[in-house]
Amino acid sequence: MHLLFGGSVMDQKISVKIAGRVFNLTATSPDAEQLYRLAAETVNKRFAAYTRNYPGKNVSDLMSMIALNETALRLGLQKDIDQIHEAENQLARDLENYLKDNGKQ
């Protein structure tokens, strides 16, 4: 949790459990803490699903598969965002040109 006390900022120490292991982290804000906890919950759900679907795989292999899939998802979303930004920029250029052309009349 991000706290102001006596004019200084204090970080919040938190613990999250992933695949049965506890990880101690520092959250720099309430939003960061919420994201860490949500991320841990998401990883644990994926871990449970992968454990059911791939019995006999070790924790390291399962976590590697989760990391790969989550990263591929993130990269796909980033590509979509980049395409949306480019479309937005093109629309802004088109609008500017339209307004410039109509101002000449």
PDB file of N, CA and C in Angstrom:
ATOM      1  N   MET A   1       0.842  -1.167   0.000  1.00  0.00           N
ATOM      2  CA  MET A   1       0.000   0.000   0.000  1.00  0.00           C
ATOM      3  C   MET A   1       0.889   1.231   0.000  1.00  0.00           C
ATOM      4  N   HIS A   2       0.503   2.230  -0.717  1.00  0.00           N
ATOM      5  CA  HIS A   2       1.253   3.472  -0.821  1.00  0.00           C
ATOM      6  C   HIS A   2       0.716   4.420   0.245  1.00  0.00           C
ATOM      7  N   LEU A   3       1.516   4.704   1.246  1.00  0.00           N
ATOM      8  CA  LEU A   3       1.061   5.538   2.344  1.00  0.00           C
ATOM      9  C   LEU A   3       1.915   6.784   2.470  1.00  0.00           C
ATOM     10  N   LEU A   4       1.266   7.897   2.788  1.00  0.00           N
ATOM     11  CA  LEU A   4       1.997   9.111   3.104  1.00  0.00           C
ATOM     12  C   LEU A   4       1.959   9.265   4.611  1.00  0.00           C
ATOM     13  N   PHE A   5       3.118   9.298   5.223  1.00  0.00           N
ATOM     14  CA  PHE A   5       3.210   9.424   6.670  1.00  0.00           C
ATOM     15  C   PHE A   5       4.362  10.347   6.979  1.00  0.00           C
ATOM     16  N   GLY A   6       4.057  11.478   7.568  1.00  0.00           N
ATOM     17  CA  GLY A   6       5.123  12.424   7.874  1.00  0.00           C
ATOM     18  C   GLY A   6       5.831  12.925   6.624  1.00  0.00           C
ATOM     19  N   GLY A   7       5.130  12.965   5.495  1.00  0.00           N
ATOM     20  CA  GLY A   7       5.707  13.478   4.266  1.00  0.00           C
ATOM     21  C   GLY A   7       6.541  12.472   3.491  1.00  0.00           C
ATOM     22  N   SER A   8       6.691  11.246   3.971  1.00  0.00           N
ATOM     23  CA  SER A   8       7.479  10.256   3.243  1.00  0.00           C
ATOM     24  C   SER A   8       6.573   9.153   2.722  1.00  0.00           C
ATOM     25  N   VAL A   9       7.023   8.520   1.677  1.00  0.00           N
ATOM     26  CA  VAL A   9       6.257   7.437   1.057  1.00  0.00           C
ATOM     27  C   VAL A   9       6.762   6.112   1.617  1.00  0.00           C
ATOM     28  N   MET A  10       5.823   5.247   1.993  1.00  0.00           N
ATOM     29  CA  MET A  10       6.185   3.933   2.530  1.00  0.00           C
ATOM     30  C   MET A  10       5.611   2.859   1.626  1.00  0.00           C
ATOM     31  N   ASP A  11       6.435   1.887   1.279  1.00  0.00           N
ATOM     32  CA  ASP A  11       5.979   0.767   0.461  1.00  0.00           C
ATOM     33  C   ASP A  11       5.357  -0.290   1.364  1.00  0.00           C
ATOM     34  N   GLN A  12       4.433  -1.046   0.803  1.00  0.00           N
ATOM     35  CA  GLN A  12       3.748  -2.103   1.544  1.00  0.00           C
ATOM     36  C   GLN A  12       4.361  -3.449   1.185  1.00  0.00           C
ATOM     37  N   LYS A  13       4.792  -4.173   2.194  1.00  0.00           N
ATOM     38  CA  LYS A  13       5.293  -5.531   1.988  1.00  0.00           C
ATOM     39  C   LYS A  13       4.087  -6.457   1.905  1.00  0.00           C
ATOM     40  N   ILE A  14       4.051  -7.272   0.874  1.00  0.00           N
ATOM     41  CA  ILE A  14       2.959  -8.231   0.702  1.00  0.00           C
ATOM     42  C   ILE A  14       3.542  -9.599   0.398  1.00  0.00           C
ATOM     43  N   SER A  15       2.720 -10.606   0.578  1.00  0.00           N
ATOM     44  CA  SER A  15       3.086 -11.974   0.231  1.00  0.00           C
ATOM     45  C   SER A  15       2.016 -12.543  -0.673  1.00  0.00           C
ATOM     46  N   VAL A  16       2.450 -13.227  -1.703  1.00  0.00           N
ATOM     47  CA  VAL A  16       1.521 -13.942  -2.569  1.00  0.00           C
ATOM     48  C   VAL A  16       1.998 -15.385  -2.670  1.00  0.00           C
ATOM     49  N   LYS A  17       1.057 -16.280  -2.851  1.00  0.00           N
ATOM     50  CA  LYS A  17       1.379 -17.697  -2.965  1.00  0.00           C
ATOM     51  C   LYS A  17       1.117 -18.138  -4.386  1.00  0.00           C
ATOM     52  N   ILE A  18       2.141 -18.721  -5.003  1.00  0.00           N
ATOM     53  CA  ILE A  18       2.026 -19.221  -6.370  1.00  0.00           C
ATOM     54  C   ILE A  18       2.521 -20.659  -6.385  1.00  0.00           C
ATOM     55  N   ALA A  19       1.668 -21.554  -6.848  1.00  0.00           N
ATOM     56  CA  ALA A  19       2.006 -22.975  -6.938  1.00  0.00           C
ATOM     57  C   ALA A  19       2.561 -23.506  -5.619  1.00  0.00           C
ATOM     58  N   GLY A  20       1.953 -23.049  -4.530  1.00  0.00           N
ATOM     59  CA  GLY A  20       2.344 -23.547  -3.221  1.00  0.00           C
ATOM     60  C   GLY A  20       3.555 -22.863  -2.601  1.00  0.00           C
ATOM     61  N   ARG A  21       4.181 -21.950  -3.317  1.00  0.00           N
ATOM     62  CA  ARG A  21       5.346 -21.231  -2.796  1.00  0.00           C
ATOM     63  C   ARG A  21       4.975 -19.797  -2.489  1.00  0.00           C
ATOM     64  N   VAL A  22       5.496 -19.290  -1.394  1.00  0.00           N
ATOM     65  CA  VAL A  22       5.211 -17.927  -0.973  1.00  0.00           C
ATOM     66  C   VAL A  22       6.302 -17.001  -1.502  1.00  0.00           C
ATOM     67  N   PHE A  23       5.862 -15.879  -2.066  1.00  0.00           N
ATOM     68  CA  PHE A  23       6.778 -14.874  -2.582  1.00  0.00           C
ATOM     69  C   PHE A  23       6.489 -13.557  -1.878  1.00  0.00           C
ATOM     70  N   ASN A  24       7.531 -12.961  -1.312  1.00  0.00           N
ATOM     71  CA  ASN A  24       7.416 -11.682  -0.634  1.00  0.00           C
ATOM     72  C   ASN A  24       7.776 -10.571  -1.618  1.00  0.00           C
ATOM     73  N   LEU A  25       6.885  -9.610  -1.735  1.00  0.00           N
ATOM     74  CA  LEU A  25       7.045  -8.526  -2.687  1.00  0.00           C
ATOM     75  C   LEU A  25       6.825  -7.189  -1.997  1.00  0.00           C
ATOM     76  N   THR A  26       7.187  -6.133  -2.688  1.00  0.00           N
ATOM     77  CA  THR A  26       6.906  -4.786  -2.224  1.00  0.00           C
ATOM     78  C   THR A  26       5.991  -4.122  -3.229  1.00  0.00           C
ATOM     79  N   ALA A  27       4.832  -3.709  -2.763  1.00  0.00           N
ATOM     80  CA  ALA A  27       3.873  -2.994  -3.612  1.00  0.00           C
ATOM     81  C   ALA A  27       4.045  -1.505  -3.354  1.00  0.00           C
ATOM     82  N   THR A  28       4.210  -0.746  -4.404  1.00  0.00           N
ATOM     83  CA  THR A  28       4.463   0.685  -4.270  1.00  0.00           C
ATOM     84  C   THR A  28       3.185   1.515  -4.228  1.00  0.00           C
ATOM     85  N   SER A  29       2.046   0.862  -4.445  1.00  0.00           N
ATOM     86  CA  SER A  29       0.762   1.562  -4.398  1.00  0.00           C
ATOM     87  C   SER A  29      -0.341   0.522  -4.195  1.00  0.00           C
ATOM     88  N   PRO A  30      -1.527   0.978  -3.798  1.00  0.00           N
ATOM     89  CA  PRO A  30      -2.648   0.034  -3.692  1.00  0.00           C
ATOM     90  C   PRO A  30      -2.961  -0.635  -5.031  1.00  0.00           C
ATOM     91  N   ASP A  31      -2.813   0.116  -6.120  1.00  0.00           N
ATOM     92  CA  ASP A  31      -3.047  -0.475  -7.444  1.00  0.00           C
ATOM     93  C   ASP A  31      -2.041  -1.583  -7.735  1.00  0.00           C
ATOM     94  N   ALA A  32      -0.776  -1.344  -7.390  1.00  0.00           N
ATOM     95  CA  ALA A  32       0.257  -2.364  -7.612  1.00  0.00           C
ATOM     96  C   ALA A  32      -0.042  -3.607  -6.781  1.00  0.00           C
ATOM     97  N   GLU A  33      -0.462  -3.411  -5.546  1.00  0.00           N
ATOM     98  CA  GLU A  33      -0.801  -4.561  -4.697  1.00  0.00           C
ATOM     99  C   GLU A  33      -1.947  -5.357  -5.316  1.00  0.00           C
ATOM    100  N   GLN A  34      -2.972  -4.661  -5.767  1.00  0.00           N
ATOM    101  CA  GLN A  34      -4.112  -5.339  -6.389  1.00  0.00           C
ATOM    102  C   GLN A  34      -3.674  -6.114  -7.629  1.00  0.00           C
ATOM    103  N   LEU A  35      -2.805  -5.517  -8.445  1.00  0.00           N
ATOM    104  CA  LEU A  35      -2.329  -6.198  -9.650  1.00  0.00           C
ATOM    105  C   LEU A  35      -1.503  -7.438  -9.306  1.00  0.00           C
ATOM    106  N   TYR A  36      -0.626  -7.334  -8.299  1.00  0.00           N
ATOM    107  CA  TYR A  36       0.155  -8.503  -7.879  1.00  0.00           C
ATOM    108  C   TYR A  36      -0.762  -9.633  -7.429  1.00  0.00           C
ATOM    109  N   ARG A  37      -1.764  -9.300  -6.632  1.00  0.00           N
ATOM    110  CA  ARG A  37      -2.667 -10.338  -6.121  1.00  0.00           C
ATOM    111  C   ARG A  37      -3.506 -10.951  -7.253  1.00  0.00           C
ATOM    112  N   LEU A  38      -3.960 -10.130  -8.154  1.00  0.00           N
ATOM    113  CA  LEU A  38      -4.723 -10.628  -9.303  1.00  0.00           C
ATOM    114  C   LEU A  38      -3.842 -11.483 -10.203  1.00  0.00           C
ATOM    115  N   ALA A  39      -2.604 -11.061 -10.415  1.00  0.00           N
ATOM    116  CA  ALA A  39      -1.669 -11.841 -11.234  1.00  0.00           C
ATOM    117  C   ALA A  39      -1.406 -13.202 -10.590  1.00  0.00           C
ATOM    118  N   ALA A  40      -1.189 -13.220  -9.273  1.00  0.00           N
ATOM    119  CA  ALA A  40      -0.946 -14.490  -8.579  1.00  0.00           C
ATOM    120  C   ALA A  40      -2.157 -15.411  -8.696  1.00  0.00           C
ATOM    121  N   GLU A  41      -3.346 -14.844  -8.560  1.00  0.00           N
ATOM    122  CA  GLU A  41      -4.567 -15.642  -8.697  1.00  0.00           C
ATOM    123  C   GLU A  41      -4.684 -16.221 -10.110  1.00  0.00           C
ATOM    124  N   THR A  42      -4.365 -15.408 -11.102  1.00  0.00           N
ATOM    125  CA  THR A  42      -4.426 -15.858 -12.501  1.00  0.00           C
ATOM    126  C   THR A  42      -3.420 -16.972 -12.756  1.00  0.00           C
ATOM    127  N   VAL A  43      -2.195 -16.794 -12.280  1.00  0.00           N
ATOM    128  CA  VAL A  43      -1.156 -17.820 -12.462  1.00  0.00           C
ATOM    129  C   VAL A  43      -1.575 -19.110 -11.769  1.00  0.00           C
ATOM    130  N   ASN A  44      -2.124 -19.009 -10.566  1.00  0.00           N
ATOM    131  CA  ASN A  44      -2.550 -20.212  -9.847  1.00  0.00           C
ATOM    132  C   ASN A  44      -3.663 -20.955 -10.579  1.00  0.00           C
ATOM    133  N   LYS A  45      -4.588 -20.213 -11.177  1.00  0.00           N
ATOM    134  CA  LYS A  45      -5.660 -20.862 -11.951  1.00  0.00           C
ATOM    135  C   LYS A  45      -5.073 -21.575 -13.168  1.00  0.00           C
ATOM    136  N   ARG A  46      -4.149 -20.904 -13.854  1.00  0.00           N
ATOM    137  CA  ARG A  46      -3.501 -21.528 -15.023  1.00  0.00           C
ATOM    138  C   ARG A  46      -2.695 -22.748 -14.587  1.00  0.00           C
ATOM    139  N   PHE A  47      -1.994 -22.614 -13.469  1.00  0.00           N
ATOM    140  CA  PHE A  47      -1.182 -23.717 -12.961  1.00  0.00           C
ATOM    141  C   PHE A  47      -2.059 -24.934 -12.669  1.00  0.00           C
ATOM    142  N   ALA A  48      -3.211 -24.698 -12.044  1.00  0.00           N
ATOM    143  CA  ALA A  48      -4.126 -25.804 -11.737  1.00  0.00           C
ATOM    144  C   ALA A  48      -4.614 -26.462 -13.028  1.00  0.00           C
ATOM    145  N   ALA A  49      -4.938 -25.645 -14.027  1.00  0.00           N
ATOM    146  CA  ALA A  49      -5.418 -26.194 -15.307  1.00  0.00           C
ATOM    147  C   ALA A  49      -4.313 -26.986 -16.003  1.00  0.00           C
ATOM    148  N   TYR A  50      -3.108 -26.439 -16.018  1.00  0.00           N
ATOM    149  CA  TYR A  50      -1.994 -27.141 -16.662  1.00  0.00           C
ATOM    150  C   TYR A  50      -1.649 -28.423 -15.914  1.00  0.00           C
ATOM    151  N   THR A  51      -1.750 -28.392 -14.595  1.00  0.00           N
ATOM    152  CA  THR A  51      -1.468 -29.595 -13.801  1.00  0.00           C
ATOM    153  C   THR A  51      -2.449 -30.708 -14.168  1.00  0.00           C
ATOM    154  N   ARG A  52      -3.720 -30.335 -14.364  1.00  0.00           N
ATOM    155  CA  ARG A  52      -4.734 -31.335 -14.763  1.00  0.00           C
ATOM    156  C   ARG A  52      -4.477 -31.830 -16.191  1.00  0.00           C
ATOM    157  N   ASN A  53      -4.123 -30.905 -17.081  1.00  0.00           N
ATOM    158  CA  ASN A  53      -3.963 -31.256 -18.496  1.00  0.00           C
ATOM    159  C   ASN A  53      -2.642 -31.944 -18.826  1.00  0.00           C
ATOM    160  N   TYR A  54      -1.632 -31.711 -18.015  1.00  0.00           N
ATOM    161  CA  TYR A  54      -0.305 -32.278 -18.265  1.00  0.00           C
ATOM    162  C   TYR A  54       0.231 -32.956 -17.004  1.00  0.00           C
ATOM    163  N   PRO A  55      -0.425 -34.039 -16.595  1.00  0.00           N
ATOM    164  CA  PRO A  55       0.048 -34.727 -15.387  1.00  0.00           C
ATOM    165  C   PRO A  55       1.468 -35.256 -15.606  1.00  0.00           C
ATOM    166  N   GLY A  56       2.247 -35.197 -14.560  1.00  0.00           N
ATOM    167  CA  GLY A  56       3.611 -35.701 -14.644  1.00  0.00           C
ATOM    168  C   GLY A  56       4.627 -34.637 -15.002  1.00  0.00           C
ATOM    169  N   LYS A  57       4.177 -33.481 -15.491  1.00  0.00           N
ATOM    170  CA  LYS A  57       5.116 -32.386 -15.783  1.00  0.00           C
ATOM    171  C   LYS A  57       5.548 -31.755 -14.461  1.00  0.00           C
ATOM    172  N   ASN A  58       6.812 -31.345 -14.401  1.00  0.00           N
ATOM    173  CA  ASN A  58       7.268 -30.725 -13.156  1.00  0.00           C
ATOM    174  C   ASN A  58       6.852 -29.255 -13.103  1.00  0.00           C
ATOM    175  N   VAL A  59       6.975 -28.664 -11.926  1.00  0.00           N
ATOM    176  CA  VAL A  59       6.536 -27.290 -11.703  1.00  0.00           C
ATOM    177  C   VAL A  59       7.246 -26.334 -12.649  1.00  0.00           C
ATOM    178  N   SER A  60       8.520 -26.527 -12.854  1.00  0.00           N
ATOM    179  CA  SER A  60       9.291 -25.649 -13.730  1.00  0.00           C
ATOM    180  C   SER A  60       8.759 -25.678 -15.164  1.00  0.00           C
ATOM    181  N   ASP A  61       8.470 -26.868 -15.665  1.00  0.00           N
ATOM    182  CA  ASP A  61       7.919 -26.989 -17.013  1.00  0.00           C
ATOM    183  C   ASP A  61       6.555 -26.303 -17.118  1.00  0.00           C
ATOM    184  N   LEU A  62       5.704 -26.522 -16.109  1.00  0.00           N
ATOM    185  CA  LEU A  62       4.374 -25.914 -16.122  1.00  0.00           C
ATOM    186  C   LEU A  62       4.471 -24.392 -16.068  1.00  0.00           C
ATOM    187  N   MET A  63       5.350 -23.884 -15.218  1.00  0.00           N
ATOM    188  CA  MET A  63       5.510 -22.434 -15.116  1.00  0.00           C
ATOM    189  C   MET A  63       6.089 -21.851 -16.402  1.00  0.00           C
ATOM    190  N   SER A  64       6.969 -22.582 -17.046  1.00  0.00           N
ATOM    191  CA  SER A  64       7.510 -22.119 -18.331  1.00  0.00           C
ATOM    192  C   SER A  64       6.410 -22.042 -19.380  1.00  0.00           C
ATOM    193  N   MET A  65       5.522 -23.019 -19.390  1.00  0.00           N
ATOM    194  CA  MET A  65       4.409 -23.005 -20.338  1.00  0.00           C
ATOM    195  C   MET A  65       3.462 -21.839 -20.043  1.00  0.00           C
ATOM    196  N   ILE A  66       3.205 -21.594 -18.772  1.00  0.00           N
ATOM    197  CA  ILE A  66       2.353 -20.466 -18.387  1.00  0.00           C
ATOM    198  C   ILE A  66       2.996 -19.156 -18.815  1.00  0.00           C
ATOM    199  N   ALA A  67       4.286 -19.003 -18.542  1.00  0.00           N
ATOM    200  CA  ALA A  67       4.995 -17.769 -18.915  1.00  0.00           C
ATOM    201  C   ALA A  67       4.961 -17.565 -20.424  1.00  0.00           C
ATOM    202  N   LEU A  68       5.179 -18.616 -21.175  1.00  0.00           N
ATOM    203  CA  LEU A  68       5.155 -18.518 -22.636  1.00  0.00           C
ATOM    204  C   LEU A  68       3.781 -18.083 -23.137  1.00  0.00           C
ATOM    205  N   ASN A  69       2.743 -18.733 -22.648  1.00  0.00           N
ATOM    206  CA  ASN A  69       1.385 -18.401 -23.089  1.00  0.00           C
ATOM    207  C   ASN A  69       0.971 -16.997 -22.663  1.00  0.00           C
ATOM    208  N   GLU A  70       1.291 -16.604 -21.448  1.00  0.00           N
ATOM    209  CA  GLU A  70       0.939 -15.259 -20.979  1.00  0.00           C
ATOM    210  C   GLU A  70       1.713 -14.192 -21.757  1.00  0.00           C
ATOM    211  N   THR A  71       2.962 -14.466 -22.069  1.00  0.00           N
ATOM    212  CA  THR A  71       3.760 -13.512 -22.836  1.00  0.00           C
ATOM    213  C   THR A  71       3.245 -13.399 -24.264  1.00  0.00           C
ATOM    214  N   ALA A  72       2.882 -14.519 -24.866  1.00  0.00           N
ATOM    215  CA  ALA A  72       2.315 -14.487 -26.215  1.00  0.00           C
ATOM    216  C   ALA A  72       1.014 -13.683 -26.218  1.00  0.00           C
ATOM    217  N   LEU A  73       0.190 -13.867 -25.203  1.00  0.00           N
ATOM    218  CA  LEU A  73      -1.053 -13.111 -25.082  1.00  0.00           C
ATOM    219  C   LEU A  73      -0.749 -11.620 -24.954  1.00  0.00           C
ATOM    220  N   ARG A  74       0.191 -11.267 -24.091  1.00  0.00           N
ATOM    221  CA  ARG A  74       0.577  -9.866 -23.888  1.00  0.00           C
ATOM    222  C   ARG A  74       1.101  -9.249 -25.182  1.00  0.00           C
ATOM    223  N   LEU A  75       1.940  -9.967 -25.901  1.00  0.00           N
ATOM    224  CA  LEU A  75       2.493  -9.456 -27.154  1.00  0.00           C
ATOM    225  C   LEU A  75       1.398  -9.263 -28.199  1.00  0.00           C
ATOM    226  N   GLY A  76       0.431 -10.175 -28.240  1.00  0.00           N
ATOM    227  CA  GLY A  76      -0.699 -10.028 -29.155  1.00  0.00           C
ATOM    228  C   GLY A  76      -1.526  -8.795 -28.816  1.00  0.00           C
ATOM    229  N   LEU A  77      -1.754  -8.567 -27.533  1.00  0.00           N
ATOM    230  CA  LEU A  77      -2.498  -7.383 -27.114  1.00  0.00           C
ATOM    231  C   LEU A  77      -1.727  -6.110 -27.438  1.00  0.00           C
ATOM    232  N   GLN A  78      -0.414  -6.132 -27.234  1.00  0.00           N
ATOM    233  CA  GLN A  78       0.408  -4.966 -27.551  1.00  0.00           C
ATOM    234  C   GLN A  78       0.357  -4.664 -29.044  1.00  0.00           C
ATOM    235  N   LYS A  79       0.366  -5.701 -29.865  1.00  0.00           N
ATOM    236  CA  LYS A  79       0.257  -5.514 -31.318  1.00  0.00           C
ATOM    237  C   LYS A  79      -1.076  -4.864 -31.662  1.00  0.00           C
ATOM    238  N   ASP A  80      -2.153  -5.337 -31.023  1.00  0.00           N
ATOM    239  CA  ASP A  80      -3.470  -4.747 -31.251  1.00  0.00           C
ATOM    240  C   ASP A  80      -3.484  -3.272 -30.841  1.00  0.00           C
ATOM    241  N   ILE A  81      -2.892  -2.965 -29.705  1.00  0.00           N
ATOM    242  CA  ILE A  81      -2.833  -1.578 -29.229  1.00  0.00           C
ATOM    243  C   ILE A  81      -2.052  -0.717 -30.206  1.00  0.00           C
ATOM    244  N   ASP A  82      -0.926  -1.223 -30.691  1.00  0.00           N
ATOM    245  CA  ASP A  82      -0.121  -0.475 -31.659  1.00  0.00           C
ATOM    246  C   ASP A  82      -0.920  -0.183 -32.930  1.00  0.00           C
ATOM    247  N   GLN A  83      -1.682  -1.177 -33.395  1.00  0.00           N
ATOM    248  CA  GLN A  83      -2.501  -0.986 -34.595  1.00  0.00           C
ATOM    249  C   GLN A  83      -3.603   0.045 -34.344  1.00  0.00           C
ATOM    250  N   ILE A  84      -4.180   0.028 -33.165  1.00  0.00           N
ATOM    251  CA  ILE A  84      -5.213   1.012 -32.815  1.00  0.00           C
ATOM    252  C   ILE A  84      -4.612   2.412 -32.768  1.00  0.00           C
ATOM    253  N   HIS A  85      -3.418   2.540 -32.185  1.00  0.00           N
ATOM    254  CA  HIS A  85      -2.749   3.848 -32.145  1.00  0.00           C
ATOM    255  C   HIS A  85      -2.450   4.351 -33.555  1.00  0.00           C
ATOM    256  N   GLU A  86      -2.014   3.477 -34.422  1.00  0.00           N
ATOM    257  CA  GLU A  86      -1.717   3.883 -35.798  1.00  0.00           C
ATOM    258  C   GLU A  86      -2.999   4.323 -36.506  1.00  0.00           C
ATOM    259  N   ALA A  87      -4.087   3.598 -36.296  1.00  0.00           N
ATOM    260  CA  ALA A  87      -5.365   3.987 -36.895  1.00  0.00           C
ATOM    261  C   ALA A  87      -5.828   5.330 -36.336  1.00  0.00           C
ATOM    262  N   GLU A  88      -5.638   5.525 -35.052  1.00  0.00           N
ATOM    263  CA  GLU A  88      -5.991   6.803 -34.422  1.00  0.00           C
ATOM    264  C   GLU A  88      -5.168   7.943 -35.027  1.00  0.00           C
ATOM    265  N   ASN A  89      -3.876   7.727 -35.177  1.00  0.00           N
ATOM    266  CA  ASN A  89      -3.005   8.745 -35.773  1.00  0.00           C
ATOM    267  C   ASN A  89      -3.410   9.045 -37.213  1.00  0.00           C
ATOM    268  N   GLN A  90      -3.759   8.013 -37.968  1.00  0.00           N
ATOM    269  CA  GLN A  90      -4.189   8.210 -39.351  1.00  0.00           C
ATOM    270  C   GLN A  90      -5.483   9.012 -39.400  1.00  0.00           C
ATOM    271  N   LEU A  91      -6.419   8.694 -38.519  1.00  0.00           N
ATOM    272  CA  LEU A  91      -7.672   9.451 -38.466  1.00  0.00           C
ATOM    273  C   LEU A  91      -7.414  10.911 -38.118  1.00  0.00           C
ATOM    274  N   ALA A  92      -6.497  11.158 -37.190  1.00  0.00           N
ATOM    275  CA  ALA A  92      -6.156  12.544 -36.823  1.00  0.00           C
ATOM    276  C   ALA A  92      -5.556  13.277 -38.018  1.00  0.00           C
ATOM    277  N   ARG A  93      -4.677  12.605 -38.763  1.00  0.00           N
ATOM    278  CA  ARG A  93      -4.091  13.226 -39.962  1.00  0.00           C
ATOM    279  C   ARG A  93      -5.167  13.497 -41.010  1.00  0.00           C
ATOM    280  N   ASP A  94      -6.062  12.522 -41.207  1.00  0.00           N
ATOM    281  CA  ASP A  94      -7.147  12.695 -42.179  1.00  0.00           C
ATOM    282  C   ASP A  94      -8.047  13.866 -41.784  1.00  0.00           C
ATOM    283  N   LEU A  95      -8.370  13.961 -40.516  1.00  0.00           N
ATOM    284  CA  LEU A  95      -9.210  15.058 -40.037  1.00  0.00           C
ATOM    285  C   LEU A  95      -8.523  16.405 -40.229  1.00  0.00           C
ATOM    286  N   GLU A  96      -7.246  16.455 -39.883  1.00  0.00           N
ATOM    287  CA  GLU A  96      -6.480  17.692 -40.052  1.00  0.00           C
ATOM    288  C   GLU A  96      -6.457  18.110 -41.526  1.00  0.00           C
ATOM    289  N   ASN A  97      -6.202  17.166 -42.418  1.00  0.00           N
ATOM    290  CA  ASN A  97      -6.202  17.463 -43.856  1.00  0.00           C
ATOM    291  C   ASN A  97      -7.581  17.905 -44.334  1.00  0.00           C
ATOM    292  N   TYR A  98      -8.609  17.257 -43.852  1.00  0.00           N
ATOM    293  CA  TYR A  98      -9.978  17.613 -44.230  1.00  0.00           C
ATOM    294  C   TYR A  98     -10.299  19.040 -43.803  1.00  0.00           C
ATOM    295  N   LEU A  99      -9.961  19.345 -42.546  1.00  0.00           N
ATOM    296  CA  LEU A  99     -10.249  20.687 -42.034  1.00  0.00           C
ATOM    297  C   LEU A  99      -9.429  21.739 -42.761  1.00  0.00           C
ATOM    298  N   LYS A 100      -8.182  21.411 -43.092  1.00  0.00           N
ATOM    299  CA  LYS A 100      -7.323  22.322 -43.826  1.00  0.00           C
ATOM    300  C   LYS A 100      -7.891  22.568 -45.223  1.00  0.00           C
ATOM    301  N   ASP A 101      -8.322  21.507 -45.893  1.00  0.00           N
ATOM    302  CA  ASP A 101      -8.879  21.620 -47.254  1.00  0.00           C
ATOM    303  C   ASP A 101     -10.193  22.407 -47.253  1.00  0.00           C
ATOM    304  N   ASN A 102     -11.020  22.186 -46.249  1.00  0.00           N
ATOM    305  CA  ASN A 102     -12.317  22.888 -46.185  1.00  0.00           C
ATOM    306  C   ASN A 102     -12.151  24.334 -45.753  1.00  0.00           C
ATOM    307  N   GLY A 103     -11.070  24.648 -45.089  1.00  0.00           N
ATOM    308  CA  GLY A 103     -10.816  26.022 -44.683  1.00  0.00           C
ATOM    309  C   GLY A 103     -10.385  26.872 -45.858  1.00  0.00           C
ATOM    310  N   LYS A 104      -9.951  26.277 -46.953  1.00  0.00           N
ATOM    311  CA  LYS A 104      -9.478  26.990 -48.144  1.00  0.00           C
ATOM    312  C   LYS A 104     -10.636  27.484 -49.002  1.00  0.00           C
ATOM    313  N   GLN A 105     -11.812  26.907 -48.815  1.00  0.00           N
ATOM    314  CA  GLN A 105     -12.953  27.246 -49.667  1.00  0.00           C
ATOM    315  C   GLN A 105     -13.577  28.551 -49.274  1.00  0.00           C
TER     316      GLN A 105
END
